[in-house]
């Protein structure tokens, strides 16, 4: 089973499309393990709750510096045993370390 993390910043329409395709089995052998937003009030987090998907807010604003934020995000993805990171309207620049750790396992569905 492919474990994905969906990173979002807003309403989560792309997240909902992924949820719908996983639920309808058009995307097979995949589970959305966690939805992570950088904004506490992102509606995407509510979409995750409605669908019983773990949801977290990890915001750069909650850390003393960008390195701490980057470490927290990366540690969360590793701890969740994520196979694929999906950037679905995520408006935060991800760290080089995250890119290297998930090399060839990151897709951006919304520029």
PDB file of N, CA and C in Angstrom:
ATOM      1  N   UNK A   1       0.841  -1.179   0.000  1.00  0.00           N
ATOM      2  CA  UNK A   1       0.000   0.000   0.000  1.00  0.00           C
ATOM      3  C   UNK A   1       0.886   1.242   0.000  1.00  0.00           C
ATOM      4  N   UNK A   2       0.663   2.119  -0.950  1.00  0.00           N
ATOM      5  CA  UNK A   2       1.408   3.370  -1.064  1.00  0.00           C
ATOM      6  C   UNK A   2       0.845   4.371  -0.065  1.00  0.00           C
ATOM      7  N   UNK A   3       1.701   4.881   0.803  1.00  0.00           N
ATOM      8  CA  UNK A   3       1.289   5.876   1.794  1.00  0.00           C
ATOM      9  C   UNK A   3       1.680   7.258   1.281  1.00  0.00           C
ATOM     10  N   UNK A   4       0.678   8.119   1.100  1.00  0.00           N
ATOM     11  CA  UNK A   4       0.970   9.451   0.602  1.00  0.00           C
ATOM     12  C   UNK A   4       0.662  10.508   1.661  1.00  0.00           C
ATOM     13  N   UNK A   5       1.407  11.593   1.578  1.00  0.00           N
ATOM     14  CA  UNK A   5       1.141  12.799   2.352  1.00  0.00           C
ATOM     15  C   UNK A   5       0.762  13.866   1.344  1.00  0.00           C
ATOM     16  N   UNK A   6      -0.328  14.570   1.613  1.00  0.00           N
ATOM     17  CA  UNK A   6      -0.755  15.660   0.746  1.00  0.00           C
ATOM     18  C   UNK A   6      -0.516  16.962   1.497  1.00  0.00           C
ATOM     19  N   UNK A   7       0.312  17.831   0.920  1.00  0.00           N
ATOM     20  CA  UNK A   7       0.638  19.122   1.516  1.00  0.00           C
ATOM     21  C   UNK A   7      -0.177  20.196   0.814  1.00  0.00           C
ATOM     22  N   UNK A   8      -0.870  21.010   1.606  1.00  0.00           N
ATOM     23  CA  UNK A   8      -1.826  21.977   1.078  1.00  0.00           C
ATOM     24  C   UNK A   8      -1.699  23.313   1.815  1.00  0.00           C
ATOM     25  N   UNK A   9      -2.235  24.356   1.193  1.00  0.00           N
ATOM     26  CA  UNK A   9      -2.251  25.658   1.850  1.00  0.00           C
ATOM     27  C   UNK A   9      -3.638  26.291   1.867  1.00  0.00           C
ATOM     28  N   UNK A  10      -4.559  25.764   1.088  1.00  0.00           N
ATOM     29  CA  UNK A  10      -5.853  26.439   0.963  1.00  0.00           C
ATOM     30  C   UNK A  10      -7.044  25.522   1.074  1.00  0.00           C
ATOM     31  N   UNK A  11      -7.953  25.684   0.125  1.00  0.00           N
ATOM     32  CA  UNK A  11      -9.238  25.008   0.174  1.00  0.00           C
ATOM     33  C   UNK A  11      -9.201  23.511  -0.018  1.00  0.00           C
ATOM     34  N   UNK A  12      -8.229  23.040  -0.737  1.00  0.00           N
ATOM     35  CA  UNK A  12      -8.072  21.601  -0.883  1.00  0.00           C
ATOM     36  C   UNK A  12      -8.895  20.962  -1.984  1.00  0.00           C
ATOM     37  N   UNK A  13      -9.173  21.702  -3.054  1.00  0.00           N
ATOM     38  CA  UNK A  13      -9.933  21.075  -4.143  1.00  0.00           C
ATOM     39  C   UNK A  13      -9.131  19.955  -4.805  1.00  0.00           C
ATOM     40  N   UNK A  14      -7.836  20.130  -4.936  1.00  0.00           N
ATOM     41  CA  UNK A  14      -7.014  19.045  -5.481  1.00  0.00           C
ATOM     42  C   UNK A  14      -6.957  17.869  -4.502  1.00  0.00           C
ATOM     43  N   UNK A  15      -6.887  18.168  -3.215  1.00  0.00           N
ATOM     44  CA  UNK A  15      -6.946  17.114  -2.208  1.00  0.00           C
ATOM     45  C   UNK A  15      -8.245  16.343  -2.351  1.00  0.00           C
ATOM     46  N   UNK A  16      -9.365  17.045  -2.501  1.00  0.00           N
ATOM     47  CA  UNK A  16     -10.658  16.366  -2.621  1.00  0.00           C
ATOM     48  C   UNK A  16     -10.690  15.461  -3.846  1.00  0.00           C
ATOM     49  N   UNK A  17     -10.101  15.911  -4.934  1.00  0.00           N
ATOM     50  CA  UNK A  17     -10.042  15.075  -6.138  1.00  0.00           C
ATOM     51  C   UNK A  17      -9.253  13.792  -5.866  1.00  0.00           C
ATOM     52  N   UNK A  18      -8.165  13.911  -5.123  1.00  0.00           N
ATOM     53  CA  UNK A  18      -7.368  12.729  -4.775  1.00  0.00           C
ATOM     54  C   UNK A  18      -8.167  11.818  -3.844  1.00  0.00           C
ATOM     55  N   UNK A  19      -8.809  12.394  -2.843  1.00  0.00           N
ATOM     56  CA  UNK A  19      -9.649  11.608  -1.936  1.00  0.00           C
ATOM     57  C   UNK A  19     -10.706  10.840  -2.728  1.00  0.00           C
ATOM     58  N   UNK A  20     -11.381  11.530  -3.633  1.00  0.00           N
ATOM     59  CA  UNK A  20     -12.440  10.892  -4.426  1.00  0.00           C
ATOM     60  C   UNK A  20     -11.898   9.742  -5.266  1.00  0.00           C
ATOM     61  N   UNK A  21     -10.739   9.931  -5.864  1.00  0.00           N
ATOM     62  CA  UNK A  21     -10.159   8.879  -6.714  1.00  0.00           C
ATOM     63  C   UNK A  21      -9.669   7.692  -5.888  1.00  0.00           C
ATOM     64  N   UNK A  22      -9.148   7.942  -4.699  1.00  0.00           N
ATOM     65  CA  UNK A  22      -8.751   6.843  -3.816  1.00  0.00           C
ATOM     66  C   UNK A  22      -9.996   6.083  -3.360  1.00  0.00           C
ATOM     67  N   UNK A  23     -11.041   6.821  -2.955  1.00  0.00           N
ATOM     68  CA  UNK A  23     -12.273   6.180  -2.481  1.00  0.00           C
ATOM     69  C   UNK A  23     -12.973   5.372  -3.562  1.00  0.00           C
ATOM     70  N   UNK A  24     -12.901   5.836  -4.810  1.00  0.00           N
ATOM     71  CA  UNK A  24     -13.548   5.120  -5.916  1.00  0.00           C
ATOM     72  C   UNK A  24     -12.670   4.016  -6.489  1.00  0.00           C
ATOM     73  N   UNK A  25     -11.465   3.879  -5.943  1.00  0.00           N
ATOM     74  CA  UNK A  25     -10.498   2.861  -6.372  1.00  0.00           C
ATOM     75  C   UNK A  25      -9.918   3.132  -7.757  1.00  0.00           C
ATOM     76  N   UNK A  26     -10.106   4.357  -8.280  1.00  0.00           N
ATOM     77  CA  UNK A  26      -9.421   4.721  -9.518  1.00  0.00           C
ATOM     78  C   UNK A  26      -7.928   4.871  -9.258  1.00  0.00           C
ATOM     79  N   UNK A  27      -7.590   5.309  -8.055  1.00  0.00           N
ATOM     80  CA  UNK A  27      -6.210   5.253  -7.580  1.00  0.00           C
ATOM     81  C   UNK A  27      -6.182   4.071  -6.617  1.00  0.00           C
ATOM     82  N   UNK A  28      -5.481   3.024  -7.005  1.00  0.00           N
ATOM     83  CA  UNK A  28      -5.519   1.786  -6.233  1.00  0.00           C
ATOM     84  C   UNK A  28      -4.283   1.627  -5.361  1.00  0.00           C
ATOM     85  N   UNK A  29      -4.426   0.795  -4.328  1.00  0.00           N
ATOM     86  CA  UNK A  29      -3.321   0.453  -3.427  1.00  0.00           C
ATOM     87  C   UNK A  29      -2.653   1.687  -2.838  1.00  0.00           C
ATOM     88  N   UNK A  30      -3.465   2.679  -2.517  1.00  0.00           N
ATOM     89  CA  UNK A  30      -2.952   3.945  -2.002  1.00  0.00           C
ATOM     90  C   UNK A  30      -3.815   4.399  -0.841  1.00  0.00           C
ATOM     91  N   UNK A  31      -3.153   4.932   0.182  1.00  0.00           N
ATOM     92  CA  UNK A  31      -3.884   5.570   1.265  1.00  0.00           C
ATOM     93  C   UNK A  31      -3.287   6.949   1.510  1.00  0.00           C
ATOM     94  N   UNK A  32      -4.161   7.900   1.795  1.00  0.00           N
ATOM     95  CA  UNK A  32      -3.701   9.215   2.206  1.00  0.00           C
ATOM     96  C   UNK A  32      -3.431   9.103   3.697  1.00  0.00           C
ATOM     97  N   UNK A  33      -2.168   9.053   4.047  1.00  0.00           N
ATOM     98  CA  UNK A  33      -1.779   8.838   5.444  1.00  0.00           C
ATOM     99  C   UNK A  33      -1.921  10.106   6.270  1.00  0.00           C
ATOM    100  N   UNK A  34      -1.655  11.250   5.644  1.00  0.00           N
ATOM    101  CA  UNK A  34      -1.717  12.515   6.379  1.00  0.00           C
ATOM    102  C   UNK A  34      -1.882  13.668   5.394  1.00  0.00           C
ATOM    103  N   UNK A  35      -2.624  14.667   5.846  1.00  0.00           N
ATOM    104  CA  UNK A  35      -2.731  15.938   5.131  1.00  0.00           C
ATOM    105  C   UNK A  35      -2.069  16.982   6.024  1.00  0.00           C
ATOM    106  N   UNK A  36      -1.144  17.733   5.447  1.00  0.00           N
ATOM    107  CA  UNK A  36      -0.409  18.744   6.206  1.00  0.00           C
ATOM    108  C   UNK A  36      -0.612  20.096   5.536  1.00  0.00           C
ATOM    109  N   UNK A  37      -0.986  21.071   6.353  1.00  0.00           N
ATOM    110  CA  UNK A  37      -1.130  22.432   5.866  1.00  0.00           C
ATOM    111  C   UNK A  37      -0.218  23.365   6.652  1.00  0.00           C
ATOM    112  N   UNK A  38       0.172  24.434   6.009  1.00  0.00           N
ATOM    113  CA  UNK A  38       0.921  25.473   6.704  1.00  0.00           C
ATOM    114  C   UNK A  38      -0.010  26.531   7.296  1.00  0.00           C
ATOM    115  N   UNK A  39      -1.310  26.372   7.056  1.00  0.00           N
ATOM    116  CA  UNK A  39      -2.296  27.339   7.552  1.00  0.00           C
ATOM    117  C   UNK A  39      -3.335  26.613   8.401  1.00  0.00           C
ATOM    118  N   UNK A  40      -3.499  27.082   9.637  1.00  0.00           N
ATOM    119  CA  UNK A  40      -4.437  26.448  10.569  1.00  0.00           C
ATOM    120  C   UNK A  40      -5.875  26.480  10.074  1.00  0.00           C
ATOM    121  N   UNK A  41      -6.221  27.520   9.319  1.00  0.00           N
ATOM    122  CA  UNK A  41      -7.604  27.680   8.876  1.00  0.00           C
ATOM    123  C   UNK A  41      -7.842  27.186   7.447  1.00  0.00           C
ATOM    124  N   UNK A  42      -6.921  26.443   6.888  1.00  0.00           N
ATOM    125  CA  UNK A  42      -7.094  25.918   5.531  1.00  0.00           C
ATOM    126  C   UNK A  42      -8.262  24.936   5.511  1.00  0.00           C
ATOM    127  N   UNK A  43      -9.182  25.132   4.602  1.00  0.00           N
ATOM    128  CA  UNK A  43     -10.341  24.244   4.523  1.00  0.00           C
ATOM    129  C   UNK A  43      -9.922  22.813   4.177  1.00  0.00           C
ATOM    130  N   UNK A  44      -8.783  22.664   3.582  1.00  0.00           N
ATOM    131  CA  UNK A  44      -8.280  21.324   3.267  1.00  0.00           C
ATOM    132  C   UNK A  44      -8.187  20.454   4.524  1.00  0.00           C
ATOM    133  N   UNK A  45      -7.868  21.050   5.663  1.00  0.00           N
ATOM    134  CA  UNK A  45      -7.801  20.286   6.913  1.00  0.00           C
ATOM    135  C   UNK A  45      -9.179  19.758   7.295  1.00  0.00           C
ATOM    136  N   UNK A  46     -10.211  20.548   7.043  1.00  0.00           N
ATOM    137  CA  UNK A  46     -11.586  20.094   7.288  1.00  0.00           C
ATOM    138  C   UNK A  46     -11.943  18.951   6.341  1.00  0.00           C
ATOM    139  N   UNK A  47     -11.540  19.053   5.093  1.00  0.00           N
ATOM    140  CA  UNK A  47     -11.782  17.951   4.145  1.00  0.00           C
ATOM    141  C   UNK A  47     -11.147  16.660   4.663  1.00  0.00           C
ATOM    142  N   UNK A  48      -9.949  16.773   5.201  1.00  0.00           N
ATOM    143  CA  UNK A  48      -9.285  15.593   5.762  1.00  0.00           C
ATOM    144  C   UNK A  48     -10.091  15.047   6.936  1.00  0.00           C
ATOM    145  N   UNK A  49     -10.507  15.919   7.854  1.00  0.00           N
ATOM    146  CA  UNK A  49     -11.300  15.478   9.020  1.00  0.00           C
ATOM    147  C   UNK A  49     -12.569  14.759   8.578  1.00  0.00           C
ATOM    148  N   UNK A  50     -13.277  15.342   7.626  1.00  0.00           N
ATOM    149  CA  UNK A  50     -14.529  14.758   7.124  1.00  0.00           C
ATOM    150  C   UNK A  50     -14.290  13.343   6.604  1.00  0.00           C
ATOM    151  N   UNK A  51     -13.103  13.117   6.045  1.00  0.00           N
ATOM    152  CA  UNK A  51     -12.786  11.822   5.446  1.00  0.00           C
ATOM    153  C   UNK A  51     -11.942  10.932   6.355  1.00  0.00           C
ATOM    154  N   UNK A  52     -11.876  11.294   7.629  1.00  0.00           N
ATOM    155  CA  UNK A  52     -11.140  10.499   8.623  1.00  0.00           C
ATOM    156  C   UNK A  52      -9.681  10.290   8.251  1.00  0.00           C
ATOM    157  N   UNK A  53      -9.071  11.348   7.749  1.00  0.00           N
ATOM    158  CA  UNK A  53      -7.652  11.338   7.399  1.00  0.00           C
ATOM    159  C   UNK A  53      -6.922  12.194   8.430  1.00  0.00           C
ATOM    160  N   UNK A  54      -5.802  11.704   8.902  1.00  0.00           N
ATOM    161  CA  UNK A  54      -5.005  12.475   9.854  1.00  0.00           C
ATOM    162  C   UNK A  54      -4.647  13.819   9.243  1.00  0.00           C
ATOM    163  N   UNK A  55      -4.839  14.882  10.020  1.00  0.00           N
ATOM    164  CA  UNK A  55      -4.532  16.223   9.516  1.00  0.00           C
ATOM    165  C   UNK A  55      -3.691  16.967  10.536  1.00  0.00           C
ATOM    166  N   UNK A  56      -2.713  17.710  10.010  1.00  0.00           N
ATOM    167  CA  UNK A  56      -1.793  18.461  10.859  1.00  0.00           C
ATOM    168  C   UNK A  56      -1.556  19.845  10.265  1.00  0.00           C
ATOM    169  N   UNK A  57      -1.317  20.802  11.134  1.00  0.00           N
ATOM    170  CA  UNK A  57      -0.834  22.102  10.698  1.00  0.00           C
ATOM    171  C   UNK A  57       0.602  22.227  11.187  1.00  0.00           C
ATOM    172  N   UNK A  58       1.497  22.379  10.236  1.00  0.00           N
ATOM    173  CA  UNK A  58       2.899  22.637  10.546  1.00  0.00           C
ATOM    174  C   UNK A  58       3.246  23.934   9.811  1.00  0.00           C
ATOM    175  N   UNK A  59       3.272  25.010  10.565  1.00  0.00           N
ATOM    176  CA  UNK A  59       3.444  26.327   9.971  1.00  0.00           C
ATOM    177  C   UNK A  59       4.814  26.907  10.308  1.00  0.00           C
ATOM    178  N   UNK A  60       5.463  27.538   9.343  1.00  0.00           N
ATOM    179  CA  UNK A  60       6.729  28.216   9.641  1.00  0.00           C
ATOM    180  C   UNK A  60       6.575  29.260  10.743  1.00  0.00           C
ATOM    181  N   UNK A  61       5.383  29.818  10.882  1.00  0.00           N
ATOM    182  CA  UNK A  61       5.127  30.857  11.888  1.00  0.00           C
ATOM    183  C   UNK A  61       5.218  30.313  13.317  1.00  0.00           C
ATOM    184  N   UNK A  62       5.111  28.995  13.463  1.00  0.00           N
ATOM    185  CA  UNK A  62       5.132  28.383  14.791  1.00  0.00           C
ATOM    186  C   UNK A  62       6.533  27.997  15.259  1.00  0.00           C
ATOM    187  N   UNK A  63       7.540  28.360  14.482  1.00  0.00           N
ATOM    188  CA  UNK A  63       8.920  27.992  14.810  1.00  0.00           C
ATOM    189  C   UNK A  63       9.790  29.239  14.869  1.00  0.00           C
ATOM    190  N   UNK A  64      10.865  29.143  15.617  1.00  0.00           N
ATOM    191  CA  UNK A  64      11.772  30.281  15.763  1.00  0.00           C
ATOM    192  C   UNK A  64      12.509  30.612  14.474  1.00  0.00           C
ATOM    193  N   UNK A  65      12.742  29.593  13.648  1.00  0.00           N
ATOM    194  CA  UNK A  65      13.444  29.833  12.387  1.00  0.00           C
ATOM    195  C   UNK A  65      13.052  28.779  11.359  1.00  0.00           C
ATOM    196  N   UNK A  66      13.427  29.026  10.140  1.00  0.00           N
ATOM    197  CA  UNK A  66      13.044  28.155   9.024  1.00  0.00           C
ATOM    198  C   UNK A  66      13.646  26.764   9.150  1.00  0.00           C
ATOM    199  N   UNK A  67      14.852  26.671   9.685  1.00  0.00           N
ATOM    200  CA  UNK A  67      15.480  25.356   9.856  1.00  0.00           C
ATOM    201  C   UNK A  67      14.658  24.465  10.783  1.00  0.00           C
ATOM    202  N   UNK A  68      14.140  25.028  11.870  1.00  0.00           N
ATOM    203  CA  UNK A  68      13.310  24.248  12.794  1.00  0.00           C
ATOM    204  C   UNK A  68      12.030  23.773  12.106  1.00  0.00           C
ATOM    205  N   UNK A  69      11.422  24.669  11.340  1.00  0.00           N
ATOM    206  CA  UNK A  69      10.227  24.302  10.580  1.00  0.00           C
ATOM    207  C   UNK A  69      10.529  23.171   9.595  1.00  0.00           C
ATOM    208  N   UNK A  70      11.602  23.351   8.818  1.00  0.00           N
ATOM    209  CA  UNK A  70      11.966  22.333   7.828  1.00  0.00           C
ATOM    210  C   UNK A  70      12.207  20.985   8.490  1.00  0.00           C
ATOM    211  N   UNK A  71      12.868  20.986   9.625  1.00  0.00           N
ATOM    212  CA  UNK A  71      13.150  19.746  10.363  1.00  0.00           C
ATOM    213  C   UNK A  71      11.846  19.096  10.840  1.00  0.00           C
ATOM    214  N   UNK A  72      10.922  19.902  11.364  1.00  0.00           N
ATOM    215  CA  UNK A  72       9.650  19.369  11.861  1.00  0.00           C
ATOM    216  C   UNK A  72       8.836  18.748  10.732  1.00  0.00           C
ATOM    217  N   UNK A  73       8.808  19.405   9.589  1.00  0.00           N
ATOM    218  CA  UNK A  73       8.069  18.874   8.442  1.00  0.00           C
ATOM    219  C   UNK A  73       8.692  17.566   7.967  1.00  0.00           C
ATOM    220  N   UNK A  74       9.997  17.570   7.791  1.00  0.00           N
ATOM    221  CA  UNK A  74      10.682  16.363   7.336  1.00  0.00           C
ATOM    222  C   UNK A  74      10.523  15.225   8.343  1.00  0.00           C
ATOM    223  N   UNK A  75      10.713  15.513   9.615  1.00  0.00           N
ATOM    224  CA  UNK A  75      10.569  14.477  10.645  1.00  0.00           C
ATOM    225  C   UNK A  75       9.169  13.874  10.638  1.00  0.00           C
ATOM    226  N   UNK A  76       8.160  14.704  10.428  1.00  0.00           N
ATOM    227  CA  UNK A  76       6.783  14.214  10.382  1.00  0.00           C
ATOM    228  C   UNK A  76       6.580  13.265   9.208  1.00  0.00           C
ATOM    229  N   UNK A  77       7.082  13.635   8.054  1.00  0.00           N
ATOM    230  CA  UNK A  77       6.931  12.784   6.872  1.00  0.00           C
ATOM    231  C   UNK A  77       7.641  11.449   7.059  1.00  0.00           C
ATOM    232  N   UNK A  78       8.811  11.487   7.636  1.00  0.00           N
ATOM    233  CA  UNK A  78       9.567  10.254   7.887  1.00  0.00           C
ATOM    234  C   UNK A  78       8.837   9.397   8.923  1.00  0.00           C
ATOM    235  N   UNK A  79       8.399  10.026  10.012  1.00  0.00           N
ATOM    236  CA  UNK A  79       7.690   9.307  11.071  1.00  0.00           C
ATOM    237  C   UNK A  79       6.412   8.648  10.551  1.00  0.00           C
ATOM    238  N   UNK A  80       5.743   9.300   9.625  1.00  0.00           N
ATOM    239  CA  UNK A  80       4.503   8.767   9.053  1.00  0.00           C
ATOM    240  C   UNK A  80       4.762   7.700   7.987  1.00  0.00           C
ATOM    241  N   UNK A  81       6.030   7.414   7.732  1.00  0.00           N
ATOM    242  CA  UNK A  81       6.380   6.357   6.769  1.00  0.00           C
ATOM    243  C   UNK A  81       5.827   6.656   5.370  1.00  0.00           C
ATOM    244  N   UNK A  82       6.011   7.869   4.928  1.00  0.00           N
ATOM    245  CA  UNK A  82       5.442   8.332   3.671  1.00  0.00           C
ATOM    246  C   UNK A  82       6.270   7.823   2.493  1.00  0.00           C
ATOM    247  N   UNK A  83       5.552   7.318   1.499  1.00  0.00           N
ATOM    248  CA  UNK A  83       6.189   6.849   0.266  1.00  0.00           C
ATOM    249  C   UNK A  83       6.216   7.932  -0.812  1.00  0.00           C
ATOM    250  N   UNK A  84       5.195   8.800  -0.806  1.00  0.00           N
ATOM    251  CA  UNK A  84       5.059   9.820  -1.844  1.00  0.00           C
ATOM    252  C   UNK A  84       4.520  11.098  -1.222  1.00  0.00           C
ATOM    253  N   UNK A  85       5.172  12.219  -1.529  1.00  0.00           N
ATOM    254  CA  UNK A  85       4.717  13.529  -1.077  1.00  0.00           C
ATOM    255  C   UNK A  85       4.026  14.208  -2.249  1.00  0.00           C
ATOM    256  N   UNK A  86       2.782  14.613  -2.031  1.00  0.00           N
ATOM    257  CA  UNK A  86       2.004  15.289  -3.064  1.00  0.00           C
ATOM    258  C   UNK A  86       1.825  16.745  -2.654  1.00  0.00           C
ATOM    259  N   UNK A  87       2.373  17.647  -3.448  1.00  0.00           N
ATOM    260  CA  UNK A  87       2.207  19.081  -3.222  1.00  0.00           C
ATOM    261  C   UNK A  87       0.962  19.510  -3.991  1.00  0.00           C
ATOM    262  N   UNK A  88      -0.103  19.813  -3.265  1.00  0.00           N
ATOM    263  CA  UNK A  88      -1.386  20.132  -3.889  1.00  0.00           C
ATOM    264  C   UNK A  88      -1.786  21.553  -3.503  1.00  0.00           C
ATOM    265  N   UNK A  89      -1.115  22.511  -4.114  1.00  0.00           N
ATOM    266  CA  UNK A  89      -1.369  23.900  -3.766  1.00  0.00           C
ATOM    267  C   UNK A  89      -0.659  24.305  -2.490  1.00  0.00           C
ATOM    268  N   UNK A  90       0.499  23.725  -2.255  1.00  0.00           N
ATOM    269  CA  UNK A  90       1.292  24.033  -1.067  1.00  0.00           C
ATOM    270  C   UNK A  90       2.155  25.245  -1.381  1.00  0.00           C
ATOM    271  N   UNK A  91       1.954  26.319  -0.646  1.00  0.00           N
ATOM    272  CA  UNK A  91       2.582  27.600  -0.974  1.00  0.00           C
ATOM    273  C   UNK A  91       3.811  27.906  -0.129  1.00  0.00           C
ATOM    274  N   UNK A  92       4.504  26.874   0.303  1.00  0.00           N
ATOM    275  CA  UNK A  92       5.733  27.030   1.072  1.00  0.00           C
ATOM    276  C   UNK A  92       6.861  26.357   0.296  1.00  0.00           C
ATOM    277  N   UNK A  93       7.987  27.012   0.216  1.00  0.00           N
ATOM    278  CA  UNK A  93       9.154  26.412  -0.432  1.00  0.00           C
ATOM    279  C   UNK A  93       9.665  25.286   0.468  1.00  0.00           C
ATOM    280  N   UNK A  94       9.803  24.101  -0.107  1.00  0.00           N
ATOM    281  CA  UNK A  94      10.299  22.971   0.679  1.00  0.00           C
ATOM    282  C   UNK A  94      11.824  22.944   0.652  1.00  0.00           C
ATOM    283  N   UNK A  95      12.386  22.363   1.687  1.00  0.00           N
ATOM    284  CA  UNK A  95      13.846  22.388   1.850  1.00  0.00           C
ATOM    285  C   UNK A  95      14.539  21.425   0.889  1.00  0.00           C
ATOM    286  N   UNK A  96      15.803  21.716   0.622  1.00  0.00           N
ATOM    287  CA  UNK A  96      16.615  20.809  -0.185  1.00  0.00           C
ATOM    288  C   UNK A  96      16.721  19.444   0.474  1.00  0.00           C
ATOM    289  N   UNK A  97      16.808  19.419   1.797  1.00  0.00           N
ATOM    290  CA  UNK A  97      16.904  18.144   2.516  1.00  0.00           C
ATOM    291  C   UNK A  97      15.651  17.293   2.311  1.00  0.00           C
ATOM    292  N   UNK A  98      14.477  17.922   2.328  1.00  0.00           N
ATOM    293  CA  UNK A  98      13.242  17.181   2.071  1.00  0.00           C
ATOM    294  C   UNK A  98      13.256  16.631   0.646  1.00  0.00           C
ATOM    295  N   UNK A  99      13.671  17.459  -0.297  1.00  0.00           N
ATOM    296  CA  UNK A  99      13.736  17.024  -1.692  1.00  0.00           C
ATOM    297  C   UNK A  99      14.695  15.837  -1.842  1.00  0.00           C
ATOM    298  N   UNK A 100      15.832  15.904  -1.192  1.00  0.00           N
ATOM    299  CA  UNK A 100      16.800  14.807  -1.274  1.00  0.00           C
ATOM    300  C   UNK A 100      16.289  13.545  -0.582  1.00  0.00           C
ATOM    301  N   UNK A 101      15.663  13.712   0.570  1.00  0.00           N
ATOM    302  CA  UNK A 101      15.147  12.564   1.312  1.00  0.00           C
ATOM    303  C   UNK A 101      14.051  11.849   0.514  1.00  0.00           C
ATOM    304  N   UNK A 102      13.244  12.615  -0.192  1.00  0.00           N
ATOM    305  CA  UNK A 102      12.142  12.047  -0.975  1.00  0.00           C
ATOM    306  C   UNK A 102      12.411  12.156  -2.478  1.00  0.00           C
ATOM    307  N   UNK A 103      13.665  11.998  -2.837  1.00  0.00           N
ATOM    308  CA  UNK A 103      14.071  12.100  -4.243  1.00  0.00           C
ATOM    309  C   UNK A 103      13.241  11.140  -5.101  1.00  0.00           C
ATOM    310  N   UNK A 104      12.682  11.688  -6.173  1.00  0.00           N
ATOM    311  CA  UNK A 104      11.824  10.935  -7.101  1.00  0.00           C
ATOM    312  C   UNK A 104      10.545  10.437  -6.442  1.00  0.00           C
ATOM    313  N   UNK A 105      10.195  11.034  -5.291  1.00  0.00           N
ATOM    314  CA  UNK A 105       8.955  10.647  -4.598  1.00  0.00           C
ATOM    315  C   UNK A 105       8.147  11.875  -4.181  1.00  0.00           C
ATOM    316  N   UNK A 106       8.257  12.946  -4.988  1.00  0.00           N
ATOM    317  CA  UNK A 106       7.500  14.168  -4.771  1.00  0.00           C
ATOM    318  C   UNK A 106       6.843  14.548  -6.101  1.00  0.00           C
ATOM    319  N   UNK A 107       5.548  14.843  -6.033  1.00  0.00           N
ATOM    320  CA  UNK A 107       4.887  15.379  -7.226  1.00  0.00           C
ATOM    321  C   UNK A 107       4.158  16.662  -6.846  1.00  0.00           C
ATOM    322  N   UNK A 108       4.102  17.579  -7.795  1.00  0.00           N
ATOM    323  CA  UNK A 108       3.411  18.850  -7.615  1.00  0.00           C
ATOM    324  C   UNK A 108       2.225  18.863  -8.558  1.00  0.00           C
ATOM    325  N   UNK A 109       1.011  18.844  -8.006  1.00  0.00           N
ATOM    326  CA  UNK A 109      -0.174  18.814  -8.851  1.00  0.00           C
ATOM    327  C   UNK A 109      -0.776  20.201  -9.054  1.00  0.00           C
ATOM    328  N   UNK A 110      -0.191  21.214  -8.421  1.00  0.00           N
ATOM    329  CA  UNK A 110      -0.707  22.572  -8.561  1.00  0.00           C
ATOM    330  C   UNK A 110       0.450  23.542  -8.407  1.00  0.00           C
ATOM    331  N   UNK A 111       0.852  24.161  -9.528  1.00  0.00           N
ATOM    332  CA  UNK A 111       2.032  25.045  -9.461  1.00  0.00           C
ATOM    333  C   UNK A 111       1.859  26.254  -8.578  1.00  0.00           C
TER     334      UNK A 111
END
